[in-house]
Amino acid sequence: MDHINRIELQGRVGNVRSNEHNGTRVANFSLATDILYKTRDGAASETTWHNIVAWESKDIPDVHKITKGMPVYVIGRLRTTKVTGIDGTEKTYYEVLANKVKILREEQAES
């Protein structure tokens, strides 16, 4: 049986935090994806925010160029992490570990 954990996203970058770990750059950024749909009253949209972790590599050479508002295309896998807070409540975090990040031009983002 094959197991598949793959996610593809295209959207706009929100907040970006970059740093270096053991000589390799890593960017943690939020990514907004929008979906448009019709309601009885007309058009509406729904925005979903995703947490992305992108380590600099041959498929992600431009980690340092990722900035807020930039359109990007991301391929990666979904990872969940459970954390127990100081108050004892357990929280689950979802993040995308990027295998590839492509910075898009404005006209690519709109197609």
N, C-alpha and C. Protein backbone atom coordinates (compact mmCIF):
# COMPACT_ATOMS: atom_id res chain seq x y z
N MET A 1 0.84 -1.17 0.00
CA MET A 1 0.00 0.00 0.00
C MET A 1 0.89 1.25 0.00
N ASP A 2 0.60 2.16 -0.91
CA ASP A 2 1.34 3.41 -0.97
C ASP A 2 0.69 4.44 -0.04
N HIS A 3 1.53 5.20 0.62
CA HIS A 3 1.06 6.29 1.47
C HIS A 3 1.43 7.60 0.79
N ILE A 4 0.49 8.52 0.78
CA ILE A 4 0.73 9.81 0.14
C ILE A 4 0.46 10.93 1.13
N ASN A 5 1.41 11.82 1.27
CA ASN A 5 1.26 13.02 2.08
C ASN A 5 1.87 14.14 1.25
N ARG A 6 1.05 14.76 0.43
CA ARG A 6 1.52 15.81 -0.48
C ARG A 6 0.49 16.93 -0.48
N ILE A 7 0.99 18.14 -0.45
CA ILE A 7 0.12 19.30 -0.50
C ILE A 7 0.72 20.32 -1.47
N GLU A 8 -0.14 20.92 -2.28
CA GLU A 8 0.26 21.98 -3.21
C GLU A 8 -0.57 23.21 -2.88
N LEU A 9 0.10 24.33 -2.74
CA LEU A 9 -0.58 25.58 -2.40
C LEU A 9 -0.05 26.70 -3.28
N GLN A 10 -0.92 27.61 -3.63
CA GLN A 10 -0.51 28.82 -4.32
C GLN A 10 -1.26 29.97 -3.67
N GLY A 11 -0.51 30.96 -3.21
CA GLY A 11 -1.14 32.08 -2.53
C GLY A 11 -0.14 33.20 -2.30
N ARG A 12 -0.47 34.04 -1.32
CA ARG A 12 0.36 35.20 -0.99
C ARG A 12 0.96 35.04 0.40
N VAL A 13 2.23 35.42 0.50
CA VAL A 13 2.97 35.31 1.75
C VAL A 13 2.47 36.35 2.74
N GLY A 14 2.32 35.91 3.98
CA GLY A 14 1.99 36.82 5.08
C GLY A 14 3.27 37.17 5.82
N ASN A 15 3.29 36.90 7.11
CA ASN A 15 4.48 37.18 7.92
C ASN A 15 5.60 36.20 7.58
N VAL A 16 6.83 36.71 7.61
CA VAL A 16 8.02 35.90 7.30
C VAL A 16 9.02 36.04 8.44
N ARG A 17 9.58 34.91 8.84
CA ARG A 17 10.66 34.90 9.82
C ARG A 17 11.75 34.01 9.26
N SER A 18 12.92 34.58 9.04
CA SER A 18 14.05 33.83 8.49
C SER A 18 15.17 33.78 9.51
N ASN A 19 15.86 32.64 9.55
CA ASN A 19 17.05 32.55 10.37
C ASN A 19 17.95 31.46 9.81
N GLU A 20 19.05 31.22 10.48
CA GLU A 20 20.01 30.24 10.02
C GLU A 20 20.19 29.20 11.11
N HIS A 21 20.23 27.93 10.69
CA HIS A 21 20.41 26.83 11.62
C HIS A 21 21.49 25.89 11.08
N ASN A 22 22.59 25.76 11.79
CA ASN A 22 23.73 24.94 11.35
C ASN A 22 24.20 25.31 9.95
N GLY A 23 24.22 26.60 9.64
CA GLY A 23 24.72 27.06 8.35
C GLY A 23 23.73 27.01 7.20
N THR A 24 22.50 26.59 7.46
CA THR A 24 21.47 26.52 6.42
C THR A 24 20.34 27.48 6.75
N ARG A 25 19.93 28.26 5.76
CA ARG A 25 18.83 29.20 5.97
C ARG A 25 17.49 28.47 5.99
N VAL A 26 16.60 28.97 6.84
CA VAL A 26 15.24 28.44 6.90
C VAL A 26 14.28 29.63 7.00
N ALA A 27 13.18 29.54 6.28
CA ALA A 27 12.15 30.57 6.34
C ALA A 27 10.88 29.93 6.88
N ASN A 28 10.30 30.57 7.87
CA ASN A 28 8.99 30.19 8.38
C ASN A 28 8.06 31.32 7.98
N PHE A 29 7.03 30.99 7.20
CA PHE A 29 6.12 32.04 6.78
C PHE A 29 4.69 31.54 6.70
N SER A 30 3.78 32.49 6.79
CA SER A 30 2.37 32.15 6.62
C SER A 30 2.01 32.38 5.16
N LEU A 31 1.05 31.61 4.67
CA LEU A 31 0.62 31.70 3.28
C LEU A 31 -0.90 31.74 3.25
N ALA A 32 -1.46 32.75 2.60
CA ALA A 32 -2.91 32.89 2.48
C ALA A 32 -3.37 32.32 1.14
N THR A 33 -4.36 31.43 1.20
CA THR A 33 -4.99 30.93 -0.01
C THR A 33 -6.46 31.34 0.04
N ASP A 34 -6.99 31.77 -1.09
CA ASP A 34 -8.38 32.22 -1.17
C ASP A 34 -9.17 31.30 -2.08
N ILE A 35 -10.43 31.10 -1.74
CA ILE A 35 -11.34 30.39 -2.62
C ILE A 35 -12.57 31.28 -2.80
N LEU A 36 -12.97 31.45 -4.04
CA LEU A 36 -14.14 32.25 -4.35
C LEU A 36 -15.31 31.32 -4.63
N TYR A 37 -16.48 31.69 -4.15
CA TYR A 37 -17.67 30.89 -4.40
C TYR A 37 -18.88 31.80 -4.47
N LYS A 38 -19.98 31.27 -5.00
CA LYS A 38 -21.21 32.04 -5.14
C LYS A 38 -22.18 31.69 -4.02
N THR A 39 -22.79 32.71 -3.49
CA THR A 39 -23.86 32.53 -2.52
C THR A 39 -25.13 33.09 -3.14
N ARG A 40 -26.22 32.99 -2.44
CA ARG A 40 -27.48 33.58 -2.94
C ARG A 40 -27.35 35.10 -3.11
N ASP A 41 -26.53 35.69 -2.26
CA ASP A 41 -26.38 37.15 -2.27
C ASP A 41 -25.29 37.63 -3.23
N GLY A 42 -24.61 36.73 -3.88
CA GLY A 42 -23.53 37.11 -4.80
C GLY A 42 -22.27 36.34 -4.52
N ALA A 43 -21.14 36.96 -4.82
CA ALA A 43 -19.85 36.29 -4.65
C ALA A 43 -19.33 36.48 -3.23
N ALA A 44 -18.60 35.48 -2.76
CA ALA A 44 -17.97 35.55 -1.45
C ALA A 44 -16.61 34.86 -1.55
N SER A 45 -15.78 35.08 -0.57
CA SER A 45 -14.48 34.42 -0.57
C SER A 45 -14.17 33.93 0.83
N GLU A 46 -13.29 32.94 0.88
CA GLU A 46 -12.84 32.38 2.14
C GLU A 46 -11.32 32.29 2.09
N THR A 47 -10.66 32.83 3.09
CA THR A 47 -9.20 32.81 3.16
C THR A 47 -8.76 31.80 4.21
N THR A 48 -7.79 30.96 3.84
CA THR A 48 -7.20 30.00 4.77
C THR A 48 -5.72 30.33 4.90
N TRP A 49 -5.23 30.35 6.13
CA TRP A 49 -3.82 30.63 6.39
C TRP A 49 -3.10 29.33 6.69
N HIS A 50 -1.93 29.15 6.08
CA HIS A 50 -1.12 27.95 6.24
C HIS A 50 0.25 28.36 6.78
N ASN A 51 0.83 27.54 7.64
CA ASN A 51 2.18 27.77 8.16
C ASN A 51 3.15 26.93 7.33
N ILE A 52 4.15 27.59 6.75
CA ILE A 52 5.11 26.95 5.86
C ILE A 52 6.50 26.99 6.48
N VAL A 53 7.23 25.88 6.37
CA VAL A 53 8.63 25.82 6.78
C VAL A 53 9.43 25.45 5.53
N ALA A 54 10.34 26.32 5.11
CA ALA A 54 11.12 26.10 3.89
C ALA A 54 12.60 26.19 4.20
N TRP A 55 13.30 25.05 4.07
CA TRP A 55 14.75 25.00 4.26
C TRP A 55 15.42 25.24 2.92
N GLU A 56 16.46 26.05 2.91
CA GLU A 56 17.20 26.33 1.68
C GLU A 56 17.79 25.03 1.12
N SER A 57 17.57 24.80 -0.19
CA SER A 57 18.08 23.60 -0.86
C SER A 57 18.14 23.89 -2.36
N LYS A 58 18.45 22.86 -3.15
CA LYS A 58 18.50 23.07 -4.60
C LYS A 58 17.11 23.37 -5.16
N ASP A 59 16.05 22.87 -4.52
CA ASP A 59 14.68 23.16 -4.97
C ASP A 59 14.10 24.41 -4.31
N ILE A 60 14.79 24.94 -3.32
CA ILE A 60 14.37 26.17 -2.65
C ILE A 60 15.61 27.05 -2.46
N PRO A 61 16.17 27.57 -3.56
CA PRO A 61 17.41 28.34 -3.43
C PRO A 61 17.21 29.78 -2.96
N ASP A 62 16.00 30.30 -3.09
CA ASP A 62 15.76 31.73 -2.84
C ASP A 62 15.01 32.00 -1.53
N VAL A 63 15.29 31.21 -0.51
CA VAL A 63 14.61 31.38 0.78
C VAL A 63 14.72 32.82 1.29
N HIS A 64 15.86 33.43 1.11
CA HIS A 64 16.11 34.78 1.61
C HIS A 64 15.32 35.84 0.84
N LYS A 65 14.75 35.50 -0.33
CA LYS A 65 14.00 36.46 -1.14
C LYS A 65 12.51 36.48 -0.83
N ILE A 66 12.03 35.56 0.00
CA ILE A 66 10.61 35.48 0.31
C ILE A 66 10.23 36.66 1.21
N THR A 67 9.26 37.46 0.72
CA THR A 67 8.83 38.64 1.47
C THR A 67 7.31 38.71 1.53
N LYS A 68 6.82 39.49 2.46
CA LYS A 68 5.38 39.66 2.68
C LYS A 68 4.69 40.16 1.40
N GLY A 69 3.55 39.56 1.07
CA GLY A 69 2.77 39.98 -0.08
C GLY A 69 3.14 39.29 -1.38
N MET A 70 4.24 38.57 -1.39
CA MET A 70 4.75 37.92 -2.59
C MET A 70 3.90 36.69 -2.95
N PRO A 71 3.57 36.52 -4.25
CA PRO A 71 2.86 35.30 -4.66
C PRO A 71 3.85 34.15 -4.80
N VAL A 72 3.51 32.99 -4.20
CA VAL A 72 4.38 31.82 -4.28
C VAL A 72 3.57 30.56 -4.51
N TYR A 73 4.24 29.55 -5.03
CA TYR A 73 3.69 28.22 -5.24
C TYR A 73 4.53 27.27 -4.38
N VAL A 74 3.87 26.47 -3.56
CA VAL A 74 4.56 25.60 -2.61
C VAL A 74 4.12 24.15 -2.81
N ILE A 75 5.09 23.24 -2.83
CA ILE A 75 4.81 21.81 -2.79
C ILE A 75 5.50 21.28 -1.55
N GLY A 76 4.79 20.45 -0.79
CA GLY A 76 5.39 19.90 0.42
C GLY A 76 4.54 18.82 1.02
N ARG A 77 4.75 18.59 2.31
CA ARG A 77 3.96 17.60 3.03
C ARG A 77 3.44 18.21 4.31
N LEU A 78 2.31 17.71 4.76
CA LEU A 78 1.67 18.21 5.96
C LEU A 78 2.23 17.50 7.18
N ARG A 79 2.55 18.27 8.21
CA ARG A 79 3.05 17.70 9.47
C ARG A 79 2.22 18.26 10.62
N THR A 80 1.86 17.40 11.54
CA THR A 80 1.14 17.84 12.73
C THR A 80 2.06 17.69 13.94
N THR A 81 1.95 18.63 14.86
CA THR A 81 2.73 18.61 16.09
C THR A 81 1.79 18.88 17.25
N LYS A 82 1.85 18.03 18.28
CA LYS A 82 1.04 18.26 19.48
C LYS A 82 1.93 18.84 20.56
N VAL A 83 1.42 19.90 21.20
CA VAL A 83 2.15 20.60 22.23
C VAL A 83 1.25 20.75 23.44
N THR A 84 1.79 20.49 24.62
CA THR A 84 1.03 20.70 25.85
C THR A 84 1.47 22.03 26.44
N GLY A 85 0.50 22.92 26.63
CA GLY A 85 0.79 24.24 27.16
C GLY A 85 1.04 24.22 28.66
N ILE A 86 1.43 25.36 29.18
CA ILE A 86 1.71 25.50 30.61
C ILE A 86 0.46 25.18 31.43
N ASP A 87 -0.70 25.53 30.86
CA ASP A 87 -1.97 25.28 31.57
C ASP A 87 -2.46 23.84 31.43
N GLY A 88 -1.68 22.98 30.74
CA GLY A 88 -2.03 21.58 30.62
C GLY A 88 -2.90 21.23 29.42
N THR A 89 -3.32 22.24 28.66
CA THR A 89 -4.14 21.95 27.49
C THR A 89 -3.26 21.53 26.32
N GLU A 90 -3.73 20.54 25.57
CA GLU A 90 -2.98 20.06 24.42
C GLU A 90 -3.47 20.78 23.17
N LYS A 91 -2.54 21.26 22.38
CA LYS A 91 -2.86 21.95 21.13
C LYS A 91 -2.19 21.21 19.98
N THR A 92 -2.85 21.21 18.84
CA THR A 92 -2.29 20.60 17.64
C THR A 92 -1.99 21.68 16.63
N TYR A 93 -0.77 21.68 16.12
CA TYR A 93 -0.35 22.64 15.11
C TYR A 93 -0.13 21.90 13.79
N TYR A 94 -0.52 22.54 12.71
CA TYR A 94 -0.33 21.99 11.37
C TYR A 94 0.62 22.90 10.61
N GLU A 95 1.59 22.31 9.94
CA GLU A 95 2.50 23.09 9.12
C GLU A 95 2.86 22.29 7.88
N VAL A 96 3.23 23.03 6.85
CA VAL A 96 3.65 22.41 5.59
C VAL A 96 5.17 22.48 5.54
N LEU A 97 5.81 21.31 5.42
CA LEU A 97 7.26 21.25 5.22
C LEU A 97 7.49 21.29 3.72
N ALA A 98 8.00 22.39 3.23
CA ALA A 98 8.12 22.62 1.79
C ALA A 98 9.26 21.80 1.19
N ASN A 99 8.97 21.16 0.05
CA ASN A 99 10.00 20.50 -0.76
C ASN A 99 10.42 21.41 -1.90
N LYS A 100 9.50 22.29 -2.30
CA LYS A 100 9.76 23.21 -3.40
C LYS A 100 8.96 24.49 -3.16
N VAL A 101 9.61 25.62 -3.37
CA VAL A 101 8.94 26.92 -3.32
C VAL A 101 9.33 27.68 -4.56
N LYS A 102 8.35 28.12 -5.31
CA LYS A 102 8.60 28.90 -6.52
C LYS A 102 7.99 30.28 -6.33
N ILE A 103 8.82 31.29 -6.49
CA ILE A 103 8.35 32.67 -6.42
C ILE A 103 7.72 33.00 -7.77
N LEU A 104 6.47 33.46 -7.75
CA LEU A 104 5.73 33.73 -8.97
C LEU A 104 5.74 35.21 -9.32
N ARG A 105 5.58 35.48 -10.59
CA ARG A 105 5.36 36.86 -11.04
C ARG A 105 3.88 37.15 -10.83
N GLU A 106 3.52 38.42 -10.77
CA GLU A 106 2.12 38.81 -10.53
C GLU A 106 1.15 38.17 -11.52
N GLU A 107 1.52 38.14 -12.81
CA GLU A 107 0.61 37.58 -13.83
C GLU A 107 0.45 36.06 -13.67
N GLN A 108 1.45 35.37 -13.13
CA GLN A 108 1.33 33.94 -12.87
C GLN A 108 0.38 33.69 -11.72
N ALA A 109 0.39 34.58 -10.72
CA ALA A 109 -0.44 34.41 -9.54
C ALA A 109 -1.92 34.57 -9.86
N GLU A 110 -2.24 35.33 -10.89
CA GLU A 110 -3.63 35.60 -11.22
C GLU A 110 -4.23 34.57 -12.15
N SER A 111 -3.41 33.69 -12.73
CA SER A 111 -3.96 32.70 -13.66
C SER A 111 -4.42 31.46 -12.95
